PDB file of all heavy atoms in Angstrom:
ATOM      1  N   ARG A   1       0.889  -1.134  -0.004  1.00  0.00           N
ATOM      2  CA  ARG A   1      -0.002  -0.029   0.021  1.00  0.00           C
ATOM      3  C   ARG A   1       0.912   1.223  -0.019  1.00  0.00           C
ATOM      4  O   ARG A   1       1.758   1.359   0.893  1.00  0.00           O
ATOM      5  CB  ARG A   1      -0.908   0.028   1.236  1.00  0.00           C
ATOM      6  CG  ARG A   1      -2.030   1.027   1.121  1.00  0.00           C
ATOM      7  CD  ARG A   1      -3.105   0.796   2.221  1.00  0.00           C
ATOM      8  NE  ARG A   1      -2.791   1.419   3.435  1.00  0.00           N
ATOM      9  CZ  ARG A   1      -3.043   2.705   3.706  1.00  0.00           C
ATOM     10  NH1 ARG A   1      -3.560   3.497   2.808  1.00  0.00           N
ATOM     11  NH2 ARG A   1      -2.762   3.198   4.857  1.00  0.00           N
ATOM     12  N   PHE A   2       0.731   2.077  -1.001  1.00  0.00           N
ATOM     13  CA  PHE A   2       1.484   3.289  -1.135  1.00  0.00           C
ATOM     14  C   PHE A   2       0.766   4.345  -0.305  1.00  0.00           C
ATOM     15  O   PHE A   2      -0.285   4.809  -0.691  1.00  0.00           O
ATOM     16  CB  PHE A   2       1.670   3.684  -2.597  1.00  0.00           C
ATOM     17  CG  PHE A   2       2.379   2.607  -3.389  1.00  0.00           C
ATOM     18  CD1 PHE A   2       1.671   1.762  -4.233  1.00  0.00           C
ATOM     19  CD2 PHE A   2       3.737   2.440  -3.320  1.00  0.00           C
ATOM     20  CE1 PHE A   2       2.303   0.781  -4.948  1.00  0.00           C
ATOM     21  CE2 PHE A   2       4.389   1.434  -3.990  1.00  0.00           C
ATOM     22  CZ  PHE A   2       3.653   0.603  -4.864  1.00  0.00           C
ATOM     23  N   VAL A   3       1.415   4.773   0.801  1.00  0.00           N
ATOM     24  CA  VAL A   3       0.712   5.576   1.796  1.00  0.00           C
ATOM     25  C   VAL A   3       0.947   7.102   1.540  1.00  0.00           C
ATOM     26  O   VAL A   3       0.015   7.894   1.653  1.00  0.00           O
ATOM     27  CB  VAL A   3       1.275   5.223   3.213  1.00  0.00           C
ATOM     28  CG1 VAL A   3       0.588   6.088   4.259  1.00  0.00           C
ATOM     29  CG2 VAL A   3       0.961   3.775   3.519  1.00  0.00           C
ATOM     30  N   SER A   4       2.180   7.448   1.171  1.00  0.00           N
ATOM     31  CA  SER A   4       2.544   8.830   0.965  1.00  0.00           C
ATOM     32  C   SER A   4       3.536   8.936  -0.158  1.00  0.00           C
ATOM     33  O   SER A   4       4.318   8.015  -0.408  1.00  0.00           O
ATOM     34  CB  SER A   4       3.195   9.494   2.235  1.00  0.00           C
ATOM     35  OG  SER A   4       2.233   9.564   3.276  1.00  0.00           O
ATOM     36  N   PRO A   5       3.599  10.062  -0.889  1.00  0.00           N
ATOM     37  CA  PRO A   5       4.532  10.188  -1.967  1.00  0.00           C
ATOM     38  C   PRO A   5       5.949  10.342  -1.434  1.00  0.00           C
ATOM     39  O   PRO A   5       6.210  10.823  -0.332  1.00  0.00           O
ATOM     40  CB  PRO A   5       4.124  11.500  -2.660  1.00  0.00           C
ATOM     41  CG  PRO A   5       3.342  12.275  -1.621  1.00  0.00           C
ATOM     42  CD  PRO A   5       2.726  11.255  -0.710  1.00  0.00           C
ATOM     43  N   VAL A   6       6.877   9.947  -2.260  1.00  0.00           N
ATOM     44  CA  VAL A   6       8.327  10.090  -2.003  1.00  0.00           C
ATOM     45  C   VAL A   6       8.825  11.073  -2.985  1.00  0.00           C
ATOM     46  O   VAL A   6       8.706  10.926  -4.205  1.00  0.00           O
ATOM     47  CB  VAL A   6       9.052   8.729  -2.099  1.00  0.00           C
ATOM     48  CG1 VAL A   6      10.579   8.927  -1.920  1.00  0.00           C
ATOM     49  CG2 VAL A   6       8.542   7.769  -1.050  1.00  0.00           C
ATOM     50  N   ARG A   7       9.439  12.191  -2.467  1.00  0.00           N
ATOM     51  CA  ARG A   7       9.949  13.239  -3.263  1.00  0.00           C
ATOM     52  C   ARG A   7      11.426  13.082  -3.498  1.00  0.00           C
ATOM     53  O   ARG A   7      12.143  12.426  -2.683  1.00  0.00           O
ATOM     54  CB  ARG A   7       9.643  14.561  -2.692  1.00  0.00           C
ATOM     55  CG  ARG A   7       8.131  14.758  -2.505  1.00  0.00           C
ATOM     56  CD  ARG A   7       7.752  16.170  -2.016  1.00  0.00           C
ATOM     57  NE  ARG A   7       6.316  16.234  -1.864  1.00  0.00           N
ATOM     58  CZ  ARG A   7       5.460  16.373  -2.858  1.00  0.00           C
ATOM     59  NH1 ARG A   7       5.893  16.540  -4.111  1.00  0.00           N
ATOM     60  NH2 ARG A   7       4.144  16.493  -2.641  1.00  0.00           N
ATOM     61  N   PHE A   8      11.948  13.712  -4.516  1.00  0.00           N
ATOM     62  CA  PHE A   8      13.424  13.704  -4.750  1.00  0.00           C
ATOM     63  C   PHE A   8      14.040  14.350  -3.558  1.00  0.00           C
ATOM     64  O   PHE A   8      13.583  15.376  -3.046  1.00  0.00           O
ATOM     65  CB  PHE A   8      13.729  14.534  -5.982  1.00  0.00           C
ATOM     66  CG  PHE A   8      13.138  14.029  -7.278  1.00  0.00           C
ATOM     67  CD1 PHE A   8      12.216  12.987  -7.334  1.00  0.00           C
ATOM     68  CD2 PHE A   8      13.437  14.614  -8.498  1.00  0.00           C
ATOM     69  CE1 PHE A   8      11.677  12.574  -8.507  1.00  0.00           C
ATOM     70  CE2 PHE A   8      12.903  14.203  -9.675  1.00  0.00           C
ATOM     71  CZ  PHE A   8      12.013  13.164  -9.732  1.00  0.00           C
ATOM     72  N   GLY A   9      15.086  13.676  -3.043  1.00  0.00           N
ATOM     73  CA  GLY A   9      15.723  14.161  -1.844  1.00  0.00           C
ATOM     74  C   GLY A   9      15.268  13.536  -0.558  1.00  0.00           C
ATOM     75  O   GLY A   9      15.892  13.727   0.498  1.00  0.00           O
ATOM     76  N   ASP A  10      14.127  12.815  -0.560  1.00  0.00           N
ATOM     77  CA  ASP A  10      13.655  12.101   0.616  1.00  0.00           C
ATOM     78  C   ASP A  10      14.624  10.984   0.902  1.00  0.00           C
ATOM     79  O   ASP A  10      15.126  10.329  -0.049  1.00  0.00           O
ATOM     80  CB  ASP A  10      12.277  11.573   0.412  1.00  0.00           C
ATOM     81  CG  ASP A  10      11.205  12.582   0.671  1.00  0.00           C
ATOM     82  OD1 ASP A  10      11.469  13.745   1.048  1.00  0.00           O
ATOM     83  OD2 ASP A  10      10.020  12.278   0.460  1.00  0.00           O
ATOM     84  N   THR A  11      14.854  10.649   2.151  1.00  0.00           N
ATOM     85  CA  THR A  11      15.725   9.582   2.595  1.00  0.00           C
ATOM     86  C   THR A  11      14.845   8.480   3.195  1.00  0.00           C
ATOM     87  O   THR A  11      14.106   8.837   4.164  1.00  0.00           O
ATOM     88  CB  THR A  11      16.800  10.090   3.578  1.00  0.00           C
ATOM     89  OG1 THR A  11      17.603  11.070   2.850  1.00  0.00           O
ATOM     90  CG2 THR A  11      17.677   8.953   4.026  1.00  0.00           C
ATOM     91  N   ILE A  12      14.875   7.351   2.709  1.00  0.00           N
ATOM     92  CA  ILE A  12      14.030   6.223   3.180  1.00  0.00           C
ATOM     93  C   ILE A  12      14.851   5.137   3.828  1.00  0.00           C
ATOM     94  O   ILE A  12      16.011   4.876   3.503  1.00  0.00           O
ATOM     95  CB  ILE A  12      13.146   5.653   2.060  1.00  0.00           C
ATOM     96  CG1 ILE A  12      13.985   5.042   0.975  1.00  0.00           C
ATOM     97  CG2 ILE A  12      12.213   6.749   1.559  1.00  0.00           C
ATOM     98  CD1 ILE A  12      13.277   4.198  -0.017  1.00  0.00           C
ATOM     99  N   HIS A  13      14.199   4.391   4.747  1.00  0.00           N
ATOM    100  CA  HIS A  13      14.727   3.142   5.228  1.00  0.00           C
ATOM    101  C   HIS A  13      13.523   2.213   5.395  1.00  0.00           C
ATOM    102  O   HIS A  13      12.378   2.629   5.345  1.00  0.00           O
ATOM    103  CB  HIS A  13      15.465   3.387   6.564  1.00  0.00           C
ATOM    104  CG  HIS A  13      14.624   3.556   7.785  1.00  0.00           C
ATOM    105  ND1 HIS A  13      14.160   4.823   8.075  1.00  0.00           N
ATOM    106  CD2 HIS A  13      14.084   2.706   8.675  1.00  0.00           C
ATOM    107  CE1 HIS A  13      13.410   4.757   9.126  1.00  0.00           C
ATOM    108  NE2 HIS A  13      13.354   3.454   9.553  1.00  0.00           N
ATOM    109  N   THR A  14      13.844   0.922   5.528  1.00  0.00           N
ATOM    110  CA  THR A  14      12.807  -0.119   5.605  1.00  0.00           C
ATOM    111  C   THR A  14      12.906  -0.859   6.899  1.00  0.00           C
ATOM    112  O   THR A  14      13.969  -1.162   7.418  1.00  0.00           O
ATOM    113  CB  THR A  14      12.966  -1.066   4.429  1.00  0.00           C
ATOM    114  OG1 THR A  14      12.932  -0.334   3.185  1.00  0.00           O
ATOM    115  CG2 THR A  14      11.937  -2.131   4.407  1.00  0.00           C
ATOM    116  N   GLU A  15      11.714  -1.181   7.498  1.00  0.00           N
ATOM    117  CA  GLU A  15      11.619  -1.969   8.696  1.00  0.00           C
ATOM    118  C   GLU A  15      10.818  -3.198   8.380  1.00  0.00           C
ATOM    119  O   GLU A  15       9.697  -3.096   7.816  1.00  0.00           O
ATOM    120  CB  GLU A  15      11.005  -1.171   9.839  1.00  0.00           C
ATOM    121  CG  GLU A  15      11.840   0.040  10.241  1.00  0.00           C
ATOM    122  CD  GLU A  15      11.152   0.824  11.368  1.00  0.00           C
ATOM    123  OE1 GLU A  15       9.986   0.562  11.705  1.00  0.00           O
ATOM    124  OE2 GLU A  15      11.821   1.803  11.834  1.00  0.00           O
ATOM    125  N   LEU A  16      11.321  -4.338   8.750  1.00  0.00           N
ATOM    126  CA  LEU A  16      10.631  -5.633   8.534  1.00  0.00           C
ATOM    127  C   LEU A  16      10.415  -6.249   9.935  1.00  0.00           C
ATOM    128  O   LEU A  16      11.341  -6.411  10.679  1.00  0.00           O
ATOM    129  CB  LEU A  16      11.477  -6.610   7.682  1.00  0.00           C
ATOM    130  CG  LEU A  16      11.796  -6.148   6.317  1.00  0.00           C
ATOM    131  CD1 LEU A  16      13.206  -5.568   6.209  1.00  0.00           C
ATOM    132  CD2 LEU A  16      11.660  -7.327   5.336  1.00  0.00           C
ATOM    133  N   THR A  17       9.135  -6.613  10.200  1.00  0.00           N
ATOM    134  CA  THR A  17       8.793  -7.220  11.476  1.00  0.00           C
ATOM    135  C   THR A  17       8.236  -8.588  11.208  1.00  0.00           C
ATOM    136  O   THR A  17       7.340  -8.790  10.398  1.00  0.00           O
ATOM    137  CB  THR A  17       7.756  -6.409  12.191  1.00  0.00           C
ATOM    138  OG1 THR A  17       8.238  -5.048  12.359  1.00  0.00           O
ATOM    139  CG2 THR A  17       7.421  -6.977  13.600  1.00  0.00           C
ATOM    140  N   VAL A  18       8.848  -9.596  11.907  1.00  0.00           N
ATOM    141  CA  VAL A  18       8.350 -10.963  11.799  1.00  0.00           C
ATOM    142  C   VAL A  18       6.982 -11.090  12.441  1.00  0.00           C
ATOM    143  O   VAL A  18       6.875 -10.873  13.667  1.00  0.00           O
ATOM    144  CB  VAL A  18       9.292 -11.998  12.419  1.00  0.00           C
ATOM    145  CG1 VAL A  18       8.810 -13.375  12.177  1.00  0.00           C
ATOM    146  CG2 VAL A  18      10.718 -11.753  11.842  1.00  0.00           C
ATOM    147  N   THR A  19       5.916 -11.370  11.703  1.00  0.00           N
ATOM    148  CA  THR A  19       4.585 -11.384  12.252  1.00  0.00           C
ATOM    149  C   THR A  19       3.978 -12.784  12.344  1.00  0.00           C
ATOM    150  O   THR A  19       3.015 -13.020  13.101  1.00  0.00           O
ATOM    151  CB  THR A  19       3.636 -10.515  11.424  1.00  0.00           C
ATOM    152  OG1 THR A  19       3.609 -11.029  10.086  1.00  0.00           O
ATOM    153  CG2 THR A  19       4.032  -9.043  11.434  1.00  0.00           C
ATOM    154  N   GLU A  20       4.495 -13.712  11.578  1.00  0.00           N
ATOM    155  CA  GLU A  20       3.911 -15.093  11.556  1.00  0.00           C
ATOM    156  C   GLU A  20       4.931 -16.026  11.057  1.00  0.00           C
ATOM    157  O   GLU A  20       5.716 -15.736  10.148  1.00  0.00           O
ATOM    158  CB  GLU A  20       2.653 -15.078  10.730  1.00  0.00           C
ATOM    159  CG  GLU A  20       1.898 -16.375  10.778  1.00  0.00           C
ATOM    160  CD  GLU A  20       0.585 -16.354   9.962  1.00  0.00           C
ATOM    161  OE1 GLU A  20       0.161 -15.283   9.421  1.00  0.00           O
ATOM    162  OE2 GLU A  20      -0.014 -17.459   9.799  1.00  0.00           O
ATOM    163  N   LYS A  21       4.910 -17.249  11.557  1.00  0.00           N
ATOM    164  CA  LYS A  21       5.718 -18.385  11.051  1.00  0.00           C
ATOM    165  C   LYS A  21       4.843 -19.592  10.949  1.00  0.00           C
ATOM    166  O   LYS A  21       4.062 -19.861  11.848  1.00  0.00           O
ATOM    167  CB  LYS A  21       6.899 -18.644  11.986  1.00  0.00           C
ATOM    168  CG  LYS A  21       7.991 -17.547  11.994  1.00  0.00           C
ATOM    169  CD  LYS A  21       9.000 -17.802  13.067  1.00  0.00           C
ATOM    170  CE  LYS A  21       9.722 -19.111  12.825  1.00  0.00           C
ATOM    171  NZ  LYS A  21      10.868 -19.290  13.741  1.00  0.00           N
ATOM    172  N   LYS A  22       4.980 -20.272   9.806  1.00  0.00           N
ATOM    173  CA  LYS A  22       4.153 -21.472   9.551  1.00  0.00           C
ATOM    174  C   LYS A  22       5.084 -22.606   9.155  1.00  0.00           C
ATOM    175  O   LYS A  22       5.908 -22.459   8.281  1.00  0.00           O
ATOM    176  CB  LYS A  22       3.108 -21.256   8.474  1.00  0.00           C
ATOM    177  CG  LYS A  22       2.022 -20.201   8.864  1.00  0.00           C
ATOM    178  CD  LYS A  22       1.081 -20.064   7.741  1.00  0.00           C
ATOM    179  CE  LYS A  22       1.586 -18.890   6.875  1.00  0.00           C
ATOM    180  NZ  LYS A  22       0.697 -18.426   5.861  1.00  0.00           N
ATOM    181  N   GLU A  23       4.877 -23.772   9.758  1.00  0.00           N
ATOM    182  CA  GLU A  23       5.581 -24.952   9.351  1.00  0.00           C
ATOM    183  C   GLU A  23       5.131 -25.331   7.943  1.00  0.00           C
ATOM    184  O   GLU A  23       3.981 -25.080   7.543  1.00  0.00           O
ATOM    185  CB  GLU A  23       5.259 -26.116  10.302  1.00  0.00           C
ATOM    186  CG  GLU A  23       5.561 -25.793  11.743  1.00  0.00           C
ATOM    187  CD  GLU A  23       6.960 -26.189  12.157  1.00  0.00           C
ATOM    188  OE1 GLU A  23       7.583 -27.062  11.561  1.00  0.00           O
ATOM    189  OE2 GLU A  23       7.421 -25.600  13.132  1.00  0.00           O
ATOM    190  N   SER A  24       5.993 -25.965   7.190  1.00  0.00           N
ATOM    191  CA  SER A  24       5.655 -26.461   5.901  1.00  0.00           C
ATOM    192  C   SER A  24       5.392 -27.979   5.918  1.00  0.00           C
ATOM    193  O   SER A  24       5.792 -28.621   6.890  1.00  0.00           O
ATOM    194  CB  SER A  24       6.769 -26.157   4.910  1.00  0.00           C
ATOM    195  OG  SER A  24       6.573 -26.775   3.675  1.00  0.00           O
ATOM    196  N   LYS A  25       4.716 -28.525   4.913  1.00  0.00           N
ATOM    197  CA  LYS A  25       4.581 -29.921   4.850  1.00  0.00           C
ATOM    198  C   LYS A  25       5.943 -30.625   4.683  1.00  0.00           C
ATOM    199  O   LYS A  25       6.095 -31.752   5.014  1.00  0.00           O
ATOM    200  CB  LYS A  25       3.632 -30.303   3.698  1.00  0.00           C
ATOM    201  CG  LYS A  25       2.203 -29.895   3.900  1.00  0.00           C
ATOM    202  CD  LYS A  25       1.349 -30.203   2.708  1.00  0.00           C
ATOM    203  CE  LYS A  25      -0.059 -29.658   2.901  1.00  0.00           C
ATOM    204  NZ  LYS A  25      -0.881 -29.853   1.724  1.00  0.00           N
ATOM    205  N   LYS A  26       6.834 -29.902   4.045  1.00  0.00           N
ATOM    206  CA  LYS A  26       8.164 -30.387   3.836  1.00  0.00           C
ATOM    207  C   LYS A  26       9.064 -29.958   5.004  1.00  0.00           C
ATOM    208  O   LYS A  26       9.119 -28.778   5.340  1.00  0.00           O
ATOM    209  CB  LYS A  26       8.691 -29.916   2.521  1.00  0.00           C
ATOM    210  CG  LYS A  26       7.933 -30.477   1.330  1.00  0.00           C
ATOM    211  CD  LYS A  26       8.530 -30.077   0.005  1.00  0.00           C
ATOM    212  CE  LYS A  26       7.710 -30.632  -1.134  1.00  0.00           C
ATOM    213  NZ  LYS A  26       8.257 -30.328  -2.402  1.00  0.00           N
ATOM    214  N   PRO A  27       9.743 -30.880   5.661  1.00  0.00           N
ATOM    215  CA  PRO A  27      10.548 -30.570   6.849  1.00  0.00           C
ATOM    216  C   PRO A  27      11.722 -29.657   6.642  1.00  0.00           C
ATOM    217  O   PRO A  27      12.286 -29.139   7.593  1.00  0.00           O
ATOM    218  CB  PRO A  27      10.921 -31.959   7.391  1.00  0.00           C
ATOM    219  CG  PRO A  27      10.928 -32.835   6.191  1.00  0.00           C
ATOM    220  CD  PRO A  27       9.863 -32.314   5.299  1.00  0.00           C
ATOM    221  N   ASP A  28      12.147 -29.431   5.407  1.00  0.00           N
ATOM    222  CA  ASP A  28      13.319 -28.651   5.157  1.00  0.00           C
ATOM    223  C   ASP A  28      13.029 -27.174   4.881  1.00  0.00           C
ATOM    224  O   ASP A  28      13.943 -26.420   4.510  1.00  0.00           O
ATOM    225  CB  ASP A  28      14.104 -29.248   3.977  1.00  0.00           C
ATOM    226  CG  ASP A  28      13.339 -29.195   2.656  1.00  0.00           C
ATOM    227  OD1 ASP A  28      12.077 -29.080   2.671  1.00  0.00           O
ATOM    228  OD2 ASP A  28      13.976 -29.298   1.581  1.00  0.00           O
ATOM    229  N   ARG A  29      11.756 -26.757   5.082  1.00  0.00           N
ATOM    230  CA  ARG A  29      11.409 -25.363   4.831  1.00  0.00           C
ATOM    231  C   ARG A  29      10.283 -24.864   5.707  1.00  0.00           C
ATOM    232  O   ARG A  29       9.531 -25.670   6.292  1.00  0.00           O
ATOM    233  CB  ARG A  29      11.069 -25.157   3.366  1.00  0.00           C
ATOM    234  CG  ARG A  29       9.858 -25.960   2.945  1.00  0.00           C
ATOM    235  CD  ARG A  29       9.714 -26.118   1.449  1.00  0.00           C
ATOM    236  NE  ARG A  29      10.744 -26.945   0.927  1.00  0.00           N
ATOM    237  CZ  ARG A  29      11.010 -27.185  -0.361  1.00  0.00           C
ATOM    238  NH1 ARG A  29      10.248 -26.674  -1.252  1.00  0.00           N
ATOM    239  NH2 ARG A  29      11.970 -28.027  -0.712  1.00  0.00           N
ATOM    240  N   GLY A  30      10.106 -23.590   5.776  1.00  0.00           N
ATOM    241  CA  GLY A  30       8.998 -22.921   6.505  1.00  0.00           C
ATOM    242  C   GLY A  30       8.664 -21.624   5.892  1.00  0.00           C
ATOM    243  O   GLY A  30       9.381 -21.101   5.023  1.00  0.00           O
ATOM    244  N   ILE A  31       7.477 -21.057   6.218  1.00  0.00           N
ATOM    245  CA  ILE A  31       7.007 -19.837   5.701  1.00  0.00           C
ATOM    246  C   ILE A  31       7.053 -18.777   6.799  1.00  0.00           C
ATOM    247  O   ILE A  31       6.442 -18.992   7.846  1.00  0.00           O
ATOM    248  CB  ILE A  31       5.563 -19.963   5.166  1.00  0.00           C
ATOM    249  CG1 ILE A  31       5.452 -21.171   4.259  1.00  0.00           C
ATOM    250  CG2 ILE A  31       5.116 -18.659   4.450  1.00  0.00           C
ATOM    251  CD1 ILE A  31       6.214 -21.107   2.981  1.00  0.00           C
ATOM    252  N   ALA A  32       7.575 -17.603   6.506  1.00  0.00           N
ATOM    253  CA  ALA A  32       7.570 -16.510   7.429  1.00  0.00           C
ATOM    254  C   ALA A  32       6.924 -15.252   6.844  1.00  0.00           C
ATOM    255  O   ALA A  32       7.155 -14.980   5.633  1.00  0.00           O
ATOM    256  CB  ALA A  32       9.018 -16.138   7.871  1.00  0.00           C
ATOM    257  N   ASN A  33       6.097 -14.633   7.573  1.00  0.00           N
ATOM    258  CA  ASN A  33       5.448 -13.334   7.172  1.00  0.00           C
ATOM    259  C   ASN A  33       6.118 -12.198   7.811  1.00  0.00           C
ATOM    260  O   ASN A  33       6.445 -12.234   9.023  1.00  0.00           O
ATOM    261  CB  ASN A  33       3.979 -13.388   7.548  1.00  0.00           C
ATOM    262  CG  ASN A  33       3.184 -14.454   6.835  1.00  0.00           C
ATOM    263  OD1 ASN A  33       3.689 -15.448   6.410  1.00  0.00           O
ATOM    264  ND2 ASN A  33       1.892 -14.200   6.665  1.00  0.00           N
ATOM    265  N   PHE A  34       6.338 -11.111   7.043  1.00  0.00           N
ATOM    266  CA  PHE A  34       6.987  -9.889   7.529  1.00  0.00           C
ATOM    267  C   PHE A  34       6.111  -8.719   7.223  1.00  0.00           C
ATOM    268  O   PHE A  34       5.647  -8.517   6.107  1.00  0.00           O
ATOM    269  CB  PHE A  34       8.340  -9.682   6.834  1.00  0.00           C
ATOM    270  CG  PHE A  34       9.348 -10.746   7.085  1.00  0.00           C
ATOM    271  CD1 PHE A  34       9.419 -11.902   6.337  1.00  0.00           C
ATOM    272  CD2 PHE A  34      10.296 -10.613   8.099  1.00  0.00           C
ATOM    273  CE1 PHE A  34      10.274 -12.919   6.591  1.00  0.00           C
ATOM    274  CE2 PHE A  34      11.208 -11.612   8.346  1.00  0.00           C
ATOM    275  CZ  PHE A  34      11.230 -12.763   7.565  1.00  0.00           C
ATOM    276  N   ALA A  35       5.771  -7.961   8.255  1.00  0.00           N
ATOM    277  CA  ALA A  35       5.125  -6.641   8.091  1.00  0.00           C
ATOM    278  C   ALA A  35       6.248  -5.737   7.581  1.00  0.00           C
ATOM    279  O   ALA A  35       7.332  -5.673   8.157  1.00  0.00           O
ATOM    280  CB  ALA A  35       4.507  -6.154   9.336  1.00  0.00           C
ATOM    281  N   VAL A  36       6.027  -4.973   6.508  1.00  0.00           N
ATOM    282  CA  VAL A  36       7.027  -4.118   5.916  1.00  0.00           C
ATOM    283  C   VAL A  36       6.534  -2.683   5.977  1.00  0.00           C
ATOM    284  O   VAL A  36       5.429  -2.392   5.580  1.00  0.00           O
ATOM    285  CB  VAL A  36       7.290  -4.557   4.458  1.00  0.00           C
ATOM    286  CG1 VAL A  36       8.311  -3.598   3.838  1.00  0.00           C
ATOM    287  CG2 VAL A  36       7.792  -5.978   4.342  1.00  0.00           C
ATOM    288  N   ALA A  37       7.455  -1.862   6.491  1.00  0.00           N
ATOM    289  CA  ALA A  37       7.194  -0.396   6.522  1.00  0.00           C
ATOM    290  C   ALA A  37       8.341   0.349   5.946  1.00  0.00           C
ATOM    291  O   ALA A  37       9.536   0.081   6.342  1.00  0.00           O
ATOM    292  CB  ALA A  37       6.896   0.075   7.907  1.00  0.00           C
ATOM    293  N   VAL A  38       8.153   1.177   4.960  1.00  0.00           N
ATOM    294  CA  VAL A  38       9.160   2.056   4.431  1.00  0.00           C
ATOM    295  C   VAL A  38       8.844   3.425   4.988  1.00  0.00           C
ATOM    296  O   VAL A  38       7.728   3.923   4.846  1.00  0.00           O
ATOM    297  CB  VAL A  38       9.167   2.053   2.921  1.00  0.00           C
ATOM    298  CG1 VAL A  38      10.287   2.964   2.360  1.00  0.00           C
ATOM    299  CG2 VAL A  38       9.309   0.643   2.367  1.00  0.00           C
ATOM    300  N   LEU A  39       9.864   4.011   5.621  1.00  0.00           N
ATOM    301  CA  LEU A  39       9.656   5.300   6.262  1.00  0.00           C
ATOM    302  C   LEU A  39      10.663   6.351   5.727  1.00  0.00           C
ATOM    303  O   LEU A  39      11.717   6.014   5.328  1.00  0.00           O
ATOM    304  CB  LEU A  39       9.917   5.166   7.803  1.00  0.00           C
ATOM    305  CG  LEU A  39       8.960   4.265   8.481  1.00  0.00           C
ATOM    306  CD1 LEU A  39       9.646   2.904   8.720  1.00  0.00           C
ATOM    307  CD2 LEU A  39       8.492   4.803   9.771  1.00  0.00           C
ATOM    308  N   ASN A  40      10.138   7.616   5.703  1.00  0.00           N
ATOM    309  CA  ASN A  40      11.015   8.686   5.206  1.00  0.00           C
ATOM    310  C   ASN A  40      11.868   9.285   6.339  1.00  0.00           C
ATOM    311  O   ASN A  40      11.782   8.804   7.548  1.00  0.00           O
ATOM    312  CB  ASN A  40      10.227   9.773   4.434  1.00  0.00           C
ATOM    313  CG  ASN A  40       9.203  10.495   5.365  1.00  0.00           C
ATOM    314  OD1 ASN A  40       9.321  10.474   6.601  1.00  0.00           O
ATOM    315  ND2 ASN A  40       8.313  11.182   4.738  1.00  0.00           N
ATOM    316  N   GLN A  41      12.530  10.325   6.089  1.00  0.00           N
ATOM    317  CA  GLN A  41      13.438  10.958   7.036  1.00  0.00           C
ATOM    318  C   GLN A  41      12.728  11.513   8.272  1.00  0.00           C
ATOM    319  O   GLN A  41      13.320  11.770   9.324  1.00  0.00           O
ATOM    320  CB  GLN A  41      14.312  12.025   6.369  1.00  0.00           C
ATOM    321  CG  GLN A  41      13.544  13.268   5.880  1.00  0.00           C
ATOM    322  CD  GLN A  41      12.929  13.050   4.510  1.00  0.00           C
ATOM    323  OE1 GLN A  41      13.027  11.962   3.899  1.00  0.00           O
ATOM    324  NE2 GLN A  41      12.296  14.094   4.039  1.00  0.00           N
ATOM    325  N   ASN A  42      11.444  11.705   8.142  1.00  0.00           N
ATOM    326  CA  ASN A  42      10.615  12.253   9.277  1.00  0.00           C
ATOM    327  C   ASN A  42       9.962  11.097  10.069  1.00  0.00           C
ATOM    328  O   ASN A  42       9.136  11.391  10.919  1.00  0.00           O
ATOM    329  CB  ASN A  42       9.594  13.193   8.739  1.00  0.00           C
ATOM    330  CG  ASN A  42      10.200  14.395   8.029  1.00  0.00           C
ATOM    331  OD1 ASN A  42      11.201  14.944   8.438  1.00  0.00           O
ATOM    332  ND2 ASN A  42       9.661  14.760   6.883  1.00  0.00           N
ATOM    333  N   GLY A  43      10.241   9.856   9.675  1.00  0.00           N
ATOM    334  CA  GLY A  43       9.615   8.698  10.362  1.00  0.00           C
ATOM    335  C   GLY A  43       8.221   8.457   9.908  1.00  0.00           C
ATOM    336  O   GLY A  43       7.490   7.659  10.483  1.00  0.00           O
TER     337      GLY A  43
END
């Protein structure tokens, strides 16, 4: 979801939060969900 415009000169960083983990039917793998937030220089 694109929340706000990013202008030339804005400085961004990304935050990933682990929100869910699910076992897979195959024992050698699993599924992880990450909430993603991209924030500008003003937070």
